[in-house]
Every structure is written in structure tokens, then in C-alpha cells.
Amino acid sequence: VSRIASLASSTSKESQACIRCHETKAVPLAVQQWAQSKHATSGIGCYECHQAGKNRPDSFMHYGERISVLVTPKTCGECHARETEEFERSHHAQAGQILGSLDNVLGEIIEGPQAAQSGCIKCHGSTVKVLGNGKLDPATWPNEGIGRINPDGSKGSCSICHSRHTFSLAI
């Protein structure tokens, strides 16, 4: 039995289905990274973080389960409440406020929209927009900006510092 199969066996049946498919067909690197994480050794799999209620505008049905591609601070806060509250009070969570500000306007005018897109927005974040049926607008996603404004109303991206799928504290 492989290490991934062994780790997967301690997760929910929903996560086990995700891992079986994604390990070979979709995004094997994400599964490999997850297998090196503390989440994996704690029995926390894909579904526990990606499940989403019908009320989330970015949710969609995927092989019989309602999920979201985005894992937001609101999701992380279900298990990591203290850390999420600390982040929400931080200056970093407000980084998305540059959107529509004089600094952002000046950046777009002086440096140009491409510079703002690859400079300001890349780090500060922008508003992630949903096109419908849970599909994210490619003009606003992927977006790992630390002040990203998420469709569920939360601000930020935990994975900007904690490396998506490995969730490293060292990073």
C-alpha cells in the first residue's frame, strides 16, 4: 500500500474519492503535497477544506459533492479560529483596499494596467468574481493576493504564506 493510500484511508469517504481521482488524473502534485502535510497525518483531506454550501456563490457540484475551488480564510477559520481572527485584524488583511484607491489609480495611470495587474494586484489581491455555476472569472482567478476579497466575503488567502496543499508553517 502506498503512503498516499495509507494516509487517504484515515480521511472521509468523500476525500478518499477525491484522492483516488486526483492522484492519477487531475492534479497529482496537489495530492503529493497534501501527503506531506500535517493535515494528511491528521486525517483531514480534500473534502474537509473544499466542501461548500449552496449559499456560496463559487460552489458547484463535482461528482456528486458541492465544492469550491477556493479555500478561504472563512473555511480555514472553522478549525483555525484564533489564527483567522489574528489575520483579520492585521494590516495584511486590508491589502485589498488598494483597489479603487488613489494609489491604485495612480499605479494604473503611471505604470499602466499591465503593471498594476502583475504588480499591485498580484501581491495585494483583487476581488475574485464568479461568472456563474461556481466558475471563477479568469480575469480575477488565480489570485493569491494577501488582501484578496473572496466571494464568501472573507479577505485574504492563507495559502499565500502557508503554501497550498502542504500548508507549511515554516513557509
Protein backbone atom coordinates (compact mmCIF):
# COMPACT_ATOMS: atom_id res chain seq x y z
CA VAL A 1 0.00 0.00 0.00
CA SER A 2 1.40 3.40 -0.98
CA ARG A 3 1.90 6.18 1.56
CA ILE A 4 -0.86 8.21 -0.10
CA ALA A 5 -3.30 5.29 0.02
CA SER A 6 -2.43 4.72 3.67
CA LEU A 7 -2.99 8.40 4.54
CA ALA A 8 -6.18 8.55 2.46
CA SER A 9 -7.66 5.62 4.38
CA SER A 10 -7.88 7.83 7.50
CA THR A 11 -9.88 10.55 5.70
CA SER A 12 -13.59 10.84 4.98
CA LYS A 13 -15.13 8.75 2.18
CA GLU A 14 -15.57 11.99 0.20
CA SER A 15 -11.86 12.83 0.50
CA GLN A 16 -10.90 9.26 -0.37
CA ALA A 17 -12.83 9.63 -3.66
CA CYS A 18 -11.08 12.95 -4.37
CA ILE A 19 -7.64 11.46 -3.70
CA ARG A 20 -8.27 8.35 -5.86
CA CYS A 21 -9.19 10.51 -8.86
CA HIS A 22 -6.84 13.45 -8.39
CA GLU A 23 -3.83 11.27 -7.62
CA THR A 24 -3.77 9.94 -11.16
CA LYS A 25 -5.99 12.06 -13.42
CA ALA A 26 -6.34 15.65 -12.37
CA VAL A 27 -3.70 17.22 -10.12
CA PRO A 28 -1.31 14.59 -8.78
CA LEU A 29 1.12 17.23 -7.45
CA ALA A 30 -1.58 18.59 -5.12
CA VAL A 31 -2.15 15.08 -3.73
CA GLN A 32 1.60 14.54 -3.30
CA GLN A 33 1.92 17.86 -1.46
CA TRP A 34 -1.09 17.04 0.73
CA ALA A 35 0.50 13.68 1.62
CA GLN A 36 3.46 15.59 3.13
CA SER A 37 1.24 17.83 5.24
CA LYS A 38 0.10 17.75 8.84
CA HIS A 39 -3.47 17.77 7.51
CA ALA A 40 -2.83 14.39 5.87
CA THR A 41 -1.42 12.84 9.04
CA SER A 42 -4.40 14.26 10.96
CA GLY A 43 -6.99 12.70 8.63
CA ILE A 44 -8.02 15.99 7.03
CA GLY A 45 -8.47 15.58 3.29
CA CYS A 46 -9.65 17.46 0.24
CA TYR A 47 -13.36 17.45 1.01
CA GLU A 48 -12.99 18.87 4.51
CA CYS A 49 -11.45 22.06 3.06
CA HIS A 50 -13.18 22.28 -0.33
CA GLN A 51 -16.77 21.43 0.66
CA ALA A 52 -19.13 24.36 0.21
CA GLY A 53 -22.73 25.14 0.98
CA LYS A 54 -25.30 26.05 -1.67
CA ASN A 55 -25.21 29.66 -0.45
CA ARG A 56 -21.61 30.13 -1.58
CA PRO A 57 -21.63 31.81 -4.99
CA ASP A 58 -18.46 29.96 -6.01
CA SER A 59 -19.79 26.49 -5.18
CA PHE A 60 -20.62 23.87 -7.79
CA MET A 61 -21.44 20.19 -8.00
CA HIS A 62 -18.46 17.95 -8.70
CA TYR A 63 -19.02 14.19 -8.87
CA GLY A 64 -21.98 14.36 -6.51
CA GLU A 65 -20.42 16.73 -3.96
CA ARG A 66 -20.87 20.50 -3.65
CA ILE A 67 -17.41 22.06 -3.51
CA SER A 68 -15.49 25.25 -4.19
CA VAL A 69 -12.06 25.63 -5.76
CA LEU A 70 -11.35 28.45 -3.31
CA VAL A 71 -10.37 27.65 0.24
CA THR A 72 -10.81 30.95 2.03
CA PRO A 73 -9.89 32.22 5.49
CA LYS A 74 -13.53 31.67 6.46
CA THR A 75 -13.06 27.98 5.65
CA CYS A 76 -9.70 27.75 7.42
CA GLY A 77 -11.23 29.56 10.40
CA GLU A 78 -13.55 26.64 11.07
CA CYS A 79 -10.54 24.81 12.53
CA HIS A 80 -8.07 27.67 12.96
CA ALA A 81 -10.29 30.33 14.55
CA ARG A 82 -7.59 32.13 16.53
CA GLU A 83 -5.22 32.40 13.57
CA THR A 84 -8.02 33.62 11.31
CA GLU A 85 -9.10 36.28 13.81
CA GLU A 86 -5.48 37.45 14.15
CA PHE A 87 -5.15 37.70 10.39
CA GLU A 88 -8.45 39.57 10.01
CA ARG A 89 -7.19 42.21 12.45
CA SER A 90 -3.86 42.51 10.66
CA HIS A 91 -2.71 45.10 8.17
CA HIS A 92 -2.26 42.33 5.61
CA ALA A 93 -5.98 41.54 5.51
CA GLN A 94 -6.60 45.12 4.41
CA ALA A 95 -4.23 44.92 1.43
CA GLY A 96 -7.15 44.60 -0.99
CA GLN A 97 -8.30 48.07 -0.01
CA ILE A 98 -5.81 49.41 -2.54
CA LEU A 99 -8.44 48.55 -5.17
CA GLY A 100 -10.04 51.78 -6.35
CA SER A 101 -7.75 53.86 -4.13
CA LEU A 102 -5.67 56.79 -5.33
CA ASP A 103 -2.53 54.62 -5.13
CA ASN A 104 -4.12 52.01 -7.39
CA VAL A 105 -5.42 54.60 -9.84
CA LEU A 106 -2.02 56.30 -10.00
CA GLY A 107 -0.34 52.93 -10.48
CA GLU A 108 -2.65 52.09 -13.37
CA ILE A 109 -2.23 55.53 -14.97
CA ILE A 110 1.51 55.95 -14.47
CA GLU A 111 2.63 52.34 -14.81
CA GLY A 112 -0.29 51.09 -16.89
CA PRO A 113 -2.92 48.38 -16.34
CA GLN A 114 -0.48 45.54 -17.09
CA ALA A 115 1.90 46.75 -14.39
CA ALA A 116 -0.97 47.05 -11.92
CA GLN A 117 -2.14 43.54 -12.79
CA SER A 118 1.29 41.91 -12.45
CA GLY A 119 2.49 44.22 -9.66
CA CYS A 120 -0.09 45.66 -7.28
CA ILE A 121 -2.84 43.08 -7.71
CA LYS A 122 -0.51 40.08 -7.64
CA CYS A 123 0.53 40.90 -4.07
CA HIS A 124 -2.39 42.94 -2.75
CA GLY A 125 -5.10 40.84 -4.36
CA SER A 126 -8.31 41.84 -6.04
CA THR A 127 -11.94 40.86 -5.88
CA VAL A 128 -12.46 37.29 -7.08
CA LYS A 129 -15.52 37.31 -9.32
CA VAL A 130 -17.82 34.39 -10.05
CA LEU A 131 -19.22 34.03 -13.57
CA GLY A 132 -21.95 31.56 -12.65
CA ASN A 133 -22.26 27.89 -11.76
CA GLY A 134 -19.28 28.32 -9.44
CA LYS A 135 -16.91 29.18 -12.28
CA LEU A 136 -14.35 31.82 -11.37
CA ASP A 137 -13.64 34.70 -13.73
CA PRO A 138 -10.20 34.03 -15.28
CA ALA A 139 -9.53 37.78 -15.15
CA THR A 140 -9.67 37.57 -11.33
CA TRP A 141 -8.53 33.97 -10.67
CA PRO A 142 -5.99 32.53 -9.91
CA ASN A 143 -5.38 35.16 -7.29
CA GLU A 144 -3.30 34.60 -4.17
CA GLY A 145 -3.06 38.24 -3.09
CA ILE A 146 -2.85 38.59 0.66
CA GLY A 147 -5.80 41.00 0.70
CA ARG A 148 -7.86 39.14 -1.88
CA ILE A 149 -11.60 39.70 -1.50
CA ASN A 150 -13.32 36.32 -1.70
CA PRO A 151 -16.84 35.51 -2.93
CA ASP A 152 -17.79 34.37 0.60
CA GLY A 153 -16.98 37.87 1.96
CA SER A 154 -13.72 36.92 3.64
CA LYS A 155 -10.46 38.72 2.96
CA GLY A 156 -7.13 37.18 2.18
CA SER A 157 -5.55 33.91 1.27
CA CYS A 158 -3.95 31.66 3.88
CA SER A 159 -2.10 29.80 1.13
CA ILE A 160 -0.13 32.92 0.18
CA CYS A 161 2.05 32.22 3.22
CA HIS A 162 1.26 28.59 4.03
CA SER A 163 1.77 27.02 0.62
CA ARG A 164 -1.30 25.47 -0.89
CA HIS A 165 -1.71 21.75 -0.12
CA THR A 166 1.44 21.40 2.04
CA PHE A 167 0.17 24.05 4.50
CA SER A 168 3.68 24.55 5.77
CA LEU A 169 4.10 26.65 8.92
CA ALA A 170 7.78 27.07 8.07
CA ILE A 171 6.97 28.91 4.86
